[in-house]
């Protein structure tokens, strides 16, 4: 029987350490004329980091979906390193995988992706939009996520009815297509305020993790004295958590913070009425994980699924408890697959 395999490469790759699973290094691709046996299909799932629930639950739902479809799944745990995505795409081609599902924060793997496609390997893209010939792309609408948080901010700003100009800073990551789209959505929403709003963008010089972002903002808040910043918009979880920590450490609770993603620290901040964290937009990792595996299986049989957009949720201080209840049941169901 022909052994089929799917490699799901996720987000930001590091040295390729394996966690709780293995890859069959002896896997050899045989002639395409042989019959495909579903029981022999094999998925390698690369998790970019276990520090964020978003990716943990994408992986958990991928495992569950693979089990339901009687497809073997091996899980790889990687750390933050964009450059390793290309290495893993190349490895998938060498190891004889029949489909590659890939996310790459800065599009640095594009040459490897093109090379794999040229070899006739179907490619699936998830999490953030990449350039290439993909059988499917599964992701949230990043621009719409930015617009969701921006629209809510406009609502609060309008209700506050401030006479003076509103000073906004966007804390993001210009090398990430997702962050660029989210910033575009934020700016589009804020544009209805016209000349009443001033917008500035800042970003850390290194990796956009919460520690680097906090270091950046610790310095910025020294020069950005009280009264010079009204709101900070964050385009990812690293920015959201880093900015929140810096604002709290500096005692600058007069600054309102809007974020993206729904990690524990963000949700806890929303549940505190006195916390300056005002709202965030959370993606749906359950649907992304499920559809990634389903589309990979279809791709191995030559089927193209196209663009699949997954809805996001707006969390505010008023609705956070209600939204959490809706997601808690799914999280409990996936505990066995984490």
Protein backbone atom coordinates (compact mmCIF):
# COMPACT_ATOMS: atom_id res chain seq x y z
CA UNK A 1 0.00 0.00 0.00
CA UNK A 2 1.05 3.53 -0.62
CA UNK A 3 1.83 5.41 2.59
CA UNK A 4 0.27 8.85 2.49
CA UNK A 5 1.37 11.68 4.69
CA UNK A 6 0.42 15.25 5.41
CA UNK A 7 2.73 17.75 7.04
CA UNK A 8 1.11 20.67 8.81
CA UNK A 9 3.71 23.38 9.35
CA UNK A 10 2.57 26.07 11.71
CA UNK A 11 3.54 29.69 12.27
CA UNK A 12 7.03 30.34 13.59
CA UNK A 13 9.46 27.41 13.44
CA UNK A 14 12.48 26.63 15.56
CA UNK A 15 14.92 23.74 15.61
CA UNK A 16 12.18 21.17 15.01
CA UNK A 17 12.21 19.49 18.40
CA UNK A 18 9.65 16.72 18.62
CA UNK A 19 7.30 16.63 21.57
CA UNK A 20 5.30 13.57 22.53
CA UNK A 21 5.48 12.05 19.07
CA UNK A 22 7.82 10.90 16.35
CA UNK A 23 8.30 11.17 12.62
CA UNK A 24 9.04 8.08 10.56
CA UNK A 25 12.37 9.00 8.98
CA UNK A 26 12.21 5.89 6.76
CA UNK A 27 8.99 7.01 5.06
CA UNK A 28 9.39 6.54 1.32
CA UNK A 29 6.95 7.69 -1.32
CA UNK A 30 6.00 4.88 -3.71
CA UNK A 31 4.49 4.93 -7.20
CA UNK A 32 1.36 7.06 -7.57
CA UNK A 33 -0.45 4.21 -9.32
CA UNK A 34 -0.85 2.33 -6.04
CA UNK A 35 -4.15 2.41 -4.18
CA UNK A 36 -4.52 4.89 -1.33
CA UNK A 37 -5.53 3.30 1.96
CA UNK A 38 -7.12 5.73 4.46
CA UNK A 39 -5.81 3.69 7.39
CA UNK A 40 -2.24 4.45 6.26
CA UNK A 41 -2.61 8.21 5.90
CA UNK A 42 -0.25 10.02 8.21
CA UNK A 43 -0.17 13.62 9.44
CA UNK A 44 2.78 15.44 10.99
CA UNK A 45 1.50 18.52 12.83
CA UNK A 46 4.00 21.26 13.70
CA UNK A 47 2.97 23.48 16.62
CA UNK A 48 4.84 26.82 16.56
CA UNK A 49 4.66 27.32 20.33
CA UNK A 50 2.80 25.80 23.25
CA UNK A 51 2.90 29.15 25.07
CA UNK A 52 -0.35 30.28 23.44
CA UNK A 53 -3.69 28.49 23.82
CA UNK A 54 -4.57 29.47 20.26
CA UNK A 55 -2.01 27.06 18.80
CA UNK A 56 -2.52 24.46 21.54
CA UNK A 57 -6.18 24.13 20.58
CA UNK A 58 -5.50 24.18 16.84
CA UNK A 59 -3.26 21.16 17.48
CA UNK A 60 -5.76 19.50 19.80
CA UNK A 61 -8.59 19.80 17.28
CA UNK A 62 -6.28 18.57 14.52
CA UNK A 63 -5.55 15.43 16.58
CA UNK A 64 -9.24 14.85 17.24
CA UNK A 65 -10.16 15.33 13.58
CA UNK A 66 -7.38 12.99 12.46
CA UNK A 67 -8.59 10.35 14.89
CA UNK A 68 -12.17 10.68 13.64
CA UNK A 69 -10.93 10.24 10.07
CA UNK A 70 -8.69 7.30 11.03
CA UNK A 71 -5.58 9.21 9.97
CA UNK A 72 -2.39 8.85 12.00
CA UNK A 73 -1.01 12.13 13.37
CA UNK A 74 2.46 12.90 14.75
CA UNK A 75 2.89 16.23 16.57
CA UNK A 76 5.98 18.42 16.27
CA UNK A 77 6.55 21.26 18.72
CA UNK A 78 8.62 24.21 17.42
CA UNK A 79 9.61 27.57 18.90
CA UNK A 80 9.69 31.11 17.46
CA UNK A 81 11.85 31.02 14.32
CA UNK A 82 10.38 32.03 10.95
CA UNK A 83 13.40 30.74 9.02
CA UNK A 84 12.77 27.12 9.99
CA UNK A 85 9.48 26.95 8.06
CA UNK A 86 11.33 26.62 4.76
CA UNK A 87 13.50 23.85 6.24
CA UNK A 88 10.42 21.89 7.24
CA UNK A 89 8.76 22.37 3.84
CA UNK A 90 11.91 20.99 2.22
CA UNK A 91 11.97 18.11 4.71
CA UNK A 92 8.35 17.25 3.90
CA UNK A 93 9.19 16.98 0.22
CA UNK A 94 12.27 14.84 0.90
CA UNK A 95 10.39 12.56 3.29
CA UNK A 96 7.72 11.85 0.68
CA UNK A 97 4.72 13.56 2.22
CA UNK A 98 1.75 13.89 -0.08
CA UNK A 99 0.51 17.25 1.21
CA UNK A 100 1.92 20.15 3.20
CA UNK A 101 -0.16 22.46 5.38
CA UNK A 102 1.84 25.56 6.22
CA UNK A 103 1.64 28.82 8.16
CA UNK A 104 4.53 31.29 7.96
CA UNK A 105 4.40 34.64 9.72
CA UNK A 106 6.62 36.58 7.31
CA UNK A 107 6.36 34.66 4.00
CA UNK A 108 10.06 33.73 4.23
CA UNK A 109 9.23 30.14 3.19
CA UNK A 110 7.80 31.23 -0.16
CA UNK A 111 10.71 29.81 -2.26
CA UNK A 112 10.43 26.42 -0.52
CA UNK A 113 6.65 26.47 -0.92
CA UNK A 114 6.98 27.17 -4.66
CA UNK A 115 9.53 24.39 -5.02
CA UNK A 116 7.27 21.89 -3.27
CA UNK A 117 4.33 22.93 -5.46
CA UNK A 118 6.48 22.52 -8.55
CA UNK A 119 7.08 18.91 -7.49
CA UNK A 120 3.33 18.36 -7.57
CA UNK A 121 2.80 18.31 -3.79
CA UNK A 122 -0.57 19.83 -2.79
CA UNK A 123 -0.18 22.69 -0.31
CA UNK A 124 -2.60 23.95 2.34
CA UNK A 125 -2.13 27.35 4.04
CA UNK A 126 -3.61 28.26 7.40
CA UNK A 127 -3.49 31.00 10.08
CA UNK A 128 -2.06 33.82 7.94
CA UNK A 129 -2.35 34.32 4.18
CA UNK A 130 0.72 33.38 2.14
CA UNK A 131 1.59 33.74 -1.53
CA UNK A 132 1.49 30.52 -3.51
CA UNK A 133 -0.62 27.91 -5.23
CA UNK A 134 -2.61 26.43 -2.33
CA UNK A 135 -5.33 23.81 -2.45
CA UNK A 136 -6.93 25.57 0.53
CA UNK A 137 -6.37 28.56 2.80
CA UNK A 138 -7.99 28.46 6.24
CA UNK A 139 -7.85 31.59 8.37
CA UNK A 140 -9.65 34.40 10.07
CA UNK A 141 -10.14 37.59 8.09
CA UNK A 142 -7.35 39.59 9.68
CA UNK A 143 -8.53 42.90 8.28
CA UNK A 144 -12.02 42.21 9.59
CA UNK A 145 -10.57 41.39 13.03
CA UNK A 146 -8.82 44.75 13.06
CA UNK A 147 -11.99 46.49 11.98
CA UNK A 148 -14.00 44.72 14.70
CA UNK A 149 -11.77 46.05 17.46
CA UNK A 150 -11.55 49.45 15.76
CA UNK A 151 -15.32 49.74 15.43
CA UNK A 152 -15.77 48.96 19.11
CA UNK A 153 -13.15 51.56 20.02
CA UNK A 154 -14.95 54.17 17.90
CA UNK A 155 -18.13 53.36 19.80
CA UNK A 156 -16.41 53.97 23.16
CA UNK A 157 -14.64 57.10 21.93
CA UNK A 158 -17.90 58.52 20.55
CA UNK A 159 -19.73 57.78 23.79
CA UNK A 160 -16.96 59.53 25.76
CA UNK A 161 -17.55 62.62 23.57
CA UNK A 162 -14.05 64.06 24.06
CA UNK A 163 -13.54 67.51 22.60
CA UNK A 164 -9.79 67.16 22.12
CA UNK A 165 -7.90 65.06 19.56
CA UNK A 166 -7.68 61.34 20.34
CA UNK A 167 -4.06 60.11 20.28
CA UNK A 168 -3.66 56.48 19.23
CA UNK A 169 -0.62 54.22 18.93
CA UNK A 170 -0.73 50.88 17.09
CA UNK A 171 1.72 48.30 18.44
CA UNK A 172 2.27 45.65 15.80
CA UNK A 173 4.66 43.69 13.63
CA UNK A 174 5.15 45.06 10.08
CA UNK A 175 6.88 41.89 8.86
CA UNK A 176 3.74 39.84 9.51
CA UNK A 177 1.04 39.85 6.78
CA UNK A 178 -1.58 39.17 9.48
CA UNK A 179 -0.52 42.19 11.53
CA UNK A 180 -0.42 44.41 8.45
CA UNK A 181 -3.99 43.42 7.57
CA UNK A 182 -5.16 43.92 11.15
CA UNK A 183 -3.62 47.38 11.27
CA UNK A 184 -5.37 48.22 7.99
CA UNK A 185 -8.69 47.18 9.54
CA UNK A 186 -8.04 49.30 12.66
CA UNK A 187 -7.17 52.34 10.55
CA UNK A 188 -10.24 51.89 8.38
CA UNK A 189 -12.50 51.81 11.44
CA UNK A 190 -10.81 54.84 13.03
CA UNK A 191 -11.03 56.83 9.80
CA UNK A 192 -14.65 57.75 10.61
CA UNK A 193 -13.26 60.00 13.33
CA UNK A 194 -11.53 62.13 10.69
CA UNK A 195 -9.19 64.80 12.00
CA UNK A 196 -10.19 63.99 15.55
CA UNK A 197 -7.72 61.09 15.68
CA UNK A 198 -3.92 60.98 15.36
CA UNK A 199 -2.34 57.55 14.71
CA UNK A 200 1.26 56.42 15.22
CA UNK A 201 2.71 52.91 14.73
CA UNK A 202 5.52 51.33 16.80
CA UNK A 203 7.08 47.86 16.88
CA UNK A 204 9.99 46.10 18.62
CA UNK A 205 13.28 45.66 16.79
CA UNK A 206 13.42 41.93 17.61
CA UNK A 207 10.91 39.11 17.98
CA UNK A 208 7.41 40.30 18.68
CA UNK A 209 7.02 38.38 21.94
CA UNK A 210 5.55 39.93 25.08
CA UNK A 211 8.97 40.46 26.71
CA UNK A 212 10.37 42.47 23.79
CA UNK A 213 7.16 44.46 23.46
CA UNK A 214 7.14 45.26 27.17
CA UNK A 215 10.77 46.42 26.98
CA UNK A 216 9.87 48.71 24.07
CA UNK A 217 6.91 50.18 25.91
CA UNK A 218 8.75 50.57 29.21
CA UNK A 219 11.00 53.01 27.35
CA UNK A 220 8.21 54.62 25.33
CA UNK A 221 6.08 55.40 28.36
CA UNK A 222 8.94 57.42 29.83
CA UNK A 223 8.82 59.81 26.86
CA UNK A 224 5.07 59.48 26.26
CA UNK A 225 4.07 61.33 29.39
CA UNK A 226 0.59 61.42 30.89
CA UNK A 227 -1.90 63.01 28.52
CA UNK A 228 0.04 62.23 25.33
CA UNK A 229 -1.44 58.75 24.67
CA UNK A 230 -5.14 57.93 24.89
CA UNK A 231 -5.37 54.43 23.41
CA UNK A 232 -3.02 51.64 22.33
CA UNK A 233 -4.13 49.09 19.73
CA UNK A 234 -2.24 45.76 19.66
CA UNK A 235 -2.29 43.51 16.59
CA UNK A 236 -1.37 40.18 18.23
CA UNK A 237 -1.18 38.45 21.60
CA UNK A 238 2.52 39.24 22.15
CA UNK A 239 1.86 42.95 21.70
CA UNK A 240 -1.31 42.82 23.80
CA UNK A 241 0.33 41.14 26.78
CA UNK A 242 3.54 43.17 26.54
CA UNK A 243 1.73 46.50 26.34
CA UNK A 244 -0.62 45.54 29.17
CA UNK A 245 2.30 44.61 31.46
CA UNK A 246 4.13 47.84 30.69
CA UNK A 247 1.09 50.07 31.20
CA UNK A 248 0.28 48.43 34.53
CA UNK A 249 3.91 48.57 35.70
CA UNK A 250 4.07 52.27 34.88
CA UNK A 251 0.77 52.95 36.63
CA UNK A 252 -0.61 54.44 33.41
CA UNK A 253 -4.16 53.16 33.77
CA UNK A 254 -5.48 56.25 31.98
CA UNK A 255 -4.43 54.59 28.70
CA UNK A 256 -7.09 52.33 27.17
CA UNK A 257 -5.80 49.13 25.53
CA UNK A 258 -7.44 47.21 22.67
CA UNK A 259 -5.96 43.87 21.61
CA UNK A 260 -6.23 40.84 19.39
CA UNK A 261 -6.27 37.19 20.54
CA UNK A 262 -7.71 35.72 23.70
CA UNK A 263 -4.86 34.32 25.79
CA UNK A 264 -5.42 33.85 29.53
CA UNK A 265 -3.72 37.13 30.48
CA UNK A 266 -5.94 39.08 28.11
CA UNK A 267 -9.12 37.42 29.33
CA UNK A 268 -8.17 37.93 32.99
CA UNK A 269 -7.60 41.63 32.29
CA UNK A 270 -11.03 41.96 30.69
CA UNK A 271 -12.65 40.33 33.72
CA UNK A 272 -11.17 43.03 35.98
CA UNK A 273 -13.40 46.16 35.81
CA UNK A 274 -10.51 48.42 36.86
CA UNK A 275 -8.04 47.05 34.28
CA UNK A 276 -7.33 49.37 31.30
CA UNK A 277 -7.61 46.44 28.85
CA UNK A 278 -10.94 47.27 27.18
CA UNK A 279 -11.56 44.66 24.46
CA UNK A 280 -9.97 41.99 22.29
CA UNK A 281 -10.84 39.84 19.28
CA UNK A 282 -10.36 36.08 19.60
CA UNK A 283 -9.93 33.67 16.70
CA UNK A 284 -11.54 30.23 16.43
CA UNK A 285 -8.70 27.68 16.76
CA UNK A 286 -11.18 24.79 16.85
CA UNK A 287 -12.50 25.42 13.34
CA UNK A 288 -9.02 26.20 11.99
CA UNK A 289 -7.57 22.94 13.34
CA UNK A 290 -10.52 20.87 12.11
CA UNK A 291 -10.69 22.37 8.63
CA UNK A 292 -6.90 22.20 8.17
CA UNK A 293 -6.94 18.42 8.54
CA UNK A 294 -10.13 17.97 6.50
CA UNK A 295 -8.73 20.07 3.63
CA UNK A 296 -5.41 18.21 3.76
CA UNK A 297 -7.20 14.89 3.35
CA UNK A 298 -9.24 16.27 0.43
CA UNK A 299 -6.10 17.71 -1.17
CA UNK A 300 -4.42 14.30 -1.22
CA UNK A 301 -7.33 13.16 -3.36
CA UNK A 302 -6.94 16.10 -5.72
CA UNK A 303 -9.74 18.29 -4.32
CA UNK A 304 -9.29 22.05 -3.96
CA UNK A 305 -11.22 23.78 -1.16
CA UNK A 306 -10.20 27.38 -1.89
CA UNK A 307 -10.38 30.15 0.72
CA UNK A 308 -12.16 29.27 3.96
CA UNK A 309 -12.75 32.21 6.29
CA UNK A 310 -13.33 31.45 9.97
CA UNK A 311 -15.33 33.85 12.17
CA UNK A 312 -13.74 35.65 15.14
CA UNK A 313 -15.33 36.80 18.42
CA UNK A 314 -15.30 40.23 20.06
CA UNK A 315 -14.64 40.13 23.82
CA UNK A 316 -15.54 43.17 25.91
CA UNK A 317 -15.78 43.69 29.64
CA UNK A 318 -19.54 43.34 29.31
CA UNK A 319 -19.70 40.05 27.34
CA UNK A 320 -16.45 38.23 28.26
CA UNK A 321 -18.12 35.77 30.67
CA UNK A 322 -20.79 34.85 28.14
CA UNK A 323 -18.31 34.25 25.30
CA UNK A 324 -16.07 32.15 27.55
CA UNK A 325 -18.97 29.87 28.49
CA UNK A 326 -19.61 29.13 24.84
CA UNK A 327 -15.99 28.04 24.29
CA UNK A 328 -15.42 26.22 27.57
CA UNK A 329 -17.33 23.10 26.53
CA UNK A 330 -15.14 22.69 23.44
CA UNK A 331 -11.96 23.16 25.46
CA UNK A 332 -13.01 20.47 27.95
CA UNK A 333 -13.78 18.11 25.09
CA UNK A 334 -10.28 18.62 23.70
CA UNK A 335 -8.37 18.16 26.97
CA UNK A 336 -7.56 14.56 26.03
CA UNK A 337 -5.98 15.74 22.77
CA UNK A 338 -3.74 18.53 24.13
